[in-house]
C-alpha atoms as a PDB file:
ATOM      1  CA  MET A   1     -24.215-146.713 223.194  1.00  0.00           C
ATOM      2  CA  VAL A   2     -23.351-150.380 223.598  1.00  0.00           C
ATOM      3  CA  GLN A   3     -23.333-151.569 227.154  1.00  0.00           C
ATOM      4  CA  SER A   4     -23.515-155.182 228.129  1.00  0.00           C
ATOM      5  CA  PHE A   5     -22.834-156.783 231.437  1.00  0.00           C
ATOM      6  CA  THR A   6     -24.138-159.247 233.904  1.00  0.00           C
ATOM      7  CA  SER A   7     -23.720-158.701 237.615  1.00  0.00           C
ATOM      8  CA  LEU A   8     -20.941-160.521 239.343  1.00  0.00           C
ATOM      9  CA  PRO A   9     -22.332-163.550 241.160  1.00  0.00           C
ATOM     10  CA  HIS A  10     -23.080-162.748 244.808  1.00  0.00           C
ATOM     11  CA  ASN A  11     -20.985-165.648 246.046  1.00  0.00           C
ATOM     12  CA  TRP A  12     -17.792-164.118 244.607  1.00  0.00           C
ATOM     13  CA  SER A  13     -16.370-162.430 247.677  1.00  0.00           C
ATOM     14  CA  ASN A  14     -12.983-161.490 246.223  1.00  0.00           C
ATOM     15  CA  ARG A  15     -14.273-158.541 244.178  1.00  0.00           C
ATOM     16  CA  ILE A  16     -11.977-155.649 243.412  1.00  0.00           C
ATOM     17  CA  LEU A  17     -12.869-152.105 242.388  1.00  0.00           C
ATOM     18  CA  CYS A  18     -11.129-151.155 239.141  1.00  0.00           C
ATOM     19  CA  TYR A  19     -10.511-147.861 237.324  1.00  0.00           C
ATOM     20  CA  TYR A  20      -9.844-147.346 233.620  1.00  0.00           C
ATOM     21  CA  GLU A  21      -9.574-144.127 231.609  1.00  0.00           C
ATOM     22  CA  ASN A  22      -9.639-143.775 227.835  1.00  0.00           C
ATOM     23  CA  ALA A  23      -6.726-141.369 227.399  1.00  0.00           C
ATOM     24  CA  THR A  24      -6.886-141.564 223.599  1.00  0.00           C
ATOM     25  CA  ASN A  25      -8.907-139.542 221.104  1.00  0.00           C
ATOM     26  CA  GLN A  26     -10.638-142.685 219.796  1.00  0.00           C
ATOM     27  CA  VAL A  27     -13.780-144.493 220.913  1.00  0.00           C
ATOM     28  CA  GLN A  28     -12.890-147.760 222.624  1.00  0.00           C
ATOM     29  CA  LEU A  29     -14.685-150.909 223.710  1.00  0.00           C
ATOM     30  CA  ALA A  30     -13.704-152.195 227.167  1.00  0.00           C
ATOM     31  CA  ARG A  31     -14.494-155.880 227.539  1.00  0.00           C
ATOM     32  CA  ILE A  32     -14.011-158.671 230.057  1.00  0.00           C
ATOM     33  CA  ALA A  33     -14.859-162.062 228.598  1.00  0.00           C
ATOM     34  CA  ASN A  34     -12.396-164.475 230.206  1.00  0.00           C
ATOM     35  CA  ILE A  35     -14.574-165.214 233.262  1.00  0.00           C
ATOM     36  CA  PRO A  36     -17.118-168.059 232.792  1.00  0.00           C
ATOM     37  CA  ASN A  37     -20.769-166.987 233.152  1.00  0.00           C
ATOM     38  CA  TRP A  38     -19.861-163.292 233.278  1.00  0.00           C
ATOM     39  CA  LEU A  39     -19.480-160.666 230.558  1.00  0.00           C
ATOM     40  CA  TYR A  40     -18.682-156.956 230.788  1.00  0.00           C
ATOM     41  CA  GLU A  41     -18.675-154.687 227.728  1.00  0.00           C
ATOM     42  CA  LYS A  42     -18.848-150.927 227.606  1.00  0.00           C
ATOM     43  CA  VAL A  43     -18.150-148.277 224.987  1.00  0.00           C
ATOM     44  CA  VAL A  44     -15.640-145.782 226.390  1.00  0.00           C
ATOM     45  CA  PHE A  45     -15.483-142.351 224.786  1.00  0.00           C
ATOM     46  CA  PRO A  46     -12.287-140.261 224.669  1.00  0.00           C
ATOM     47  CA  GLY A  47     -11.525-138.911 228.152  1.00  0.00           C
ATOM     48  CA  GLN A  48     -14.210-141.066 229.787  1.00  0.00           C
ATOM     49  CA  ARG A  49     -13.423-142.862 233.048  1.00  0.00           C
ATOM     50  CA  LEU A  50     -14.830-146.164 234.254  1.00  0.00           C
ATOM     51  CA  LEU A  51     -15.189-147.619 237.724  1.00  0.00           C
ATOM     52  CA  PHE A  52     -16.240-151.253 237.708  1.00  0.00           C
ATOM     53  CA  GLU A  53     -16.095-154.339 239.876  1.00  0.00           C
ATOM     54  CA  ALA A  54     -14.255-157.437 238.738  1.00  0.00           C
ATOM     55  CA  ILE A  55     -12.427-160.378 240.229  1.00  0.00           C
ATOM     56  CA  PRO A  56      -8.622-160.690 240.317  1.00  0.00           C
ATOM     57  CA  ASP A  57      -8.590-163.238 237.460  1.00  0.00           C
ATOM     58  CA  ALA A  58     -10.376-160.844 235.082  1.00  0.00           C
ATOM     59  CA  LEU A  59      -8.587-159.442 232.050  1.00  0.00           C
ATOM     60  CA  LEU A  60      -9.772-156.140 230.539  1.00  0.00           C
ATOM     61  CA  GLU A  61      -9.527-156.142 226.746  1.00  0.00           C
ATOM     62  CA  VAL A  62      -9.419-152.667 225.209  1.00  0.00           C
ATOM     63  CA  HIS A  63     -10.468-152.511 221.562  1.00  0.00           C
ATOM     64  CA  ILE A  64     -10.421-149.527 219.201  1.00  0.00           C
ATOM     65  CA  CYS A  65     -13.819-149.037 217.566  1.00  0.00           C
ATOM     66  CA  THR A  66     -13.134-148.787 213.845  1.00  0.00           C
ATOM     67  CA  THR A  67     -14.691-150.624 210.911  1.00  0.00           C
ATOM     68  CA  SER A  68     -13.170-153.739 212.446  1.00  0.00           C
ATOM     69  CA  MET A  69     -12.561-154.078 216.168  1.00  0.00           C
ATOM     70  CA  THR A  70      -8.818-153.900 216.796  1.00  0.00           C
ATOM     71  CA  LEU A  71      -7.406-155.175 220.081  1.00  0.00           C
ATOM     72  CA  LEU A  72      -5.295-152.363 221.545  1.00  0.00           C
ATOM     73  CA  GLU A  73      -4.239-153.962 224.842  1.00  0.00           C
ATOM     74  CA  GLU A  74      -5.108-156.511 227.511  1.00  0.00           C
ATOM     75  CA  ILE A  75      -4.795-155.384 231.130  1.00  0.00           C
ATOM     76  CA  PRO A  76      -5.029-157.695 234.160  1.00  0.00           C
ATOM     77  CA  CYS A  77      -7.649-156.184 236.466  1.00  0.00           C
ATOM     78  CA  PRO A  78      -5.371-156.208 239.541  1.00  0.00           C
ATOM     79  CA  GLN A  79      -3.288-153.562 237.694  1.00  0.00           C
ATOM     80  CA  LEU A  80      -6.442-151.405 237.505  1.00  0.00           C
ATOM     81  CA  GLN A  81      -7.420-151.924 241.146  1.00  0.00           C
ATOM     82  CA  VAL A  82      -8.287-148.782 243.082  1.00  0.00           C
ATOM     83  CA  ARG A  83      -6.043-148.417 246.109  1.00  0.00           C
ATOM     84  CA  GLU A  84      -7.067-146.706 249.325  1.00  0.00           C
ATOM     85  CA  ILE A  85      -4.959-143.752 250.432  1.00  0.00           C
ATOM     86  CA  THR A  86      -4.039-143.952 254.095  1.00  0.00           C
ATOM     87  CA  ASP A  87      -5.044-141.094 256.407  1.00  0.00           C
ATOM     88  CA  THR A  88      -1.393-140.272 257.112  1.00  0.00           C
ATOM     89  CA  LEU A  89      -0.629-139.809 253.418  1.00  0.00           C
ATOM     90  CA  ALA A  90      -3.797-137.741 252.887  1.00  0.00           C
ATOM     91  CA  GLU A  91      -2.952-135.484 255.864  1.00  0.00           C
ATOM     92  CA  THR A  92       0.619-134.981 254.622  1.00  0.00           C
ATOM     93  CA  THR A  93      -0.633-134.056 251.158  1.00  0.00           C
ATOM     94  CA  ALA A  94      -3.225-131.666 252.609  1.00  0.00           C
ATOM     95  CA  GLN A  95      -0.555-129.956 254.751  1.00  0.00           C
ATOM     96  CA  ASP A  96       1.793-129.581 251.779  1.00  0.00           C
ATOM     97  CA  ASP A  97      -0.984-127.996 249.707  1.00  0.00           C
ATOM     98  CA  SER A  98      -2.084-125.546 252.413  1.00  0.00           C
ATOM     99  CA  ILE A  99      -1.315-121.842 252.205  1.00  0.00           C
ATOM    100  CA  ASP A 100      -0.306-119.840 255.271  1.00  0.00           C
ATOM    101  CA  LEU A 101      -2.409-116.671 255.192  1.00  0.00           C
ATOM    102  CA  ALA A 102      -0.790-115.255 258.364  1.00  0.00           C
ATOM    103  CA  GLU A 103       2.180-113.847 256.461  1.00  0.00           C
END
């Protein structure tokens, strides 16, 4: 398995947590190479999910792993940013999913 990355520099305080899922049936290569002095590359198998840290300027390139690497898409990392669910929303969802056993 190919995996290549360097840690984000410690002085970069604007890190974001990102999520990507390979929803295809093909092996992919996820790559961020547009940030100077930082590289992220990881093979992503069908159905596999990734959580990774990046900075808002990062661009995730998704390549299909065939005999030649084919660029499938480029996704700005802010579009992949994990968002926190507020407690109010989580409580509402939990109440909607509950079953009343008193009936």
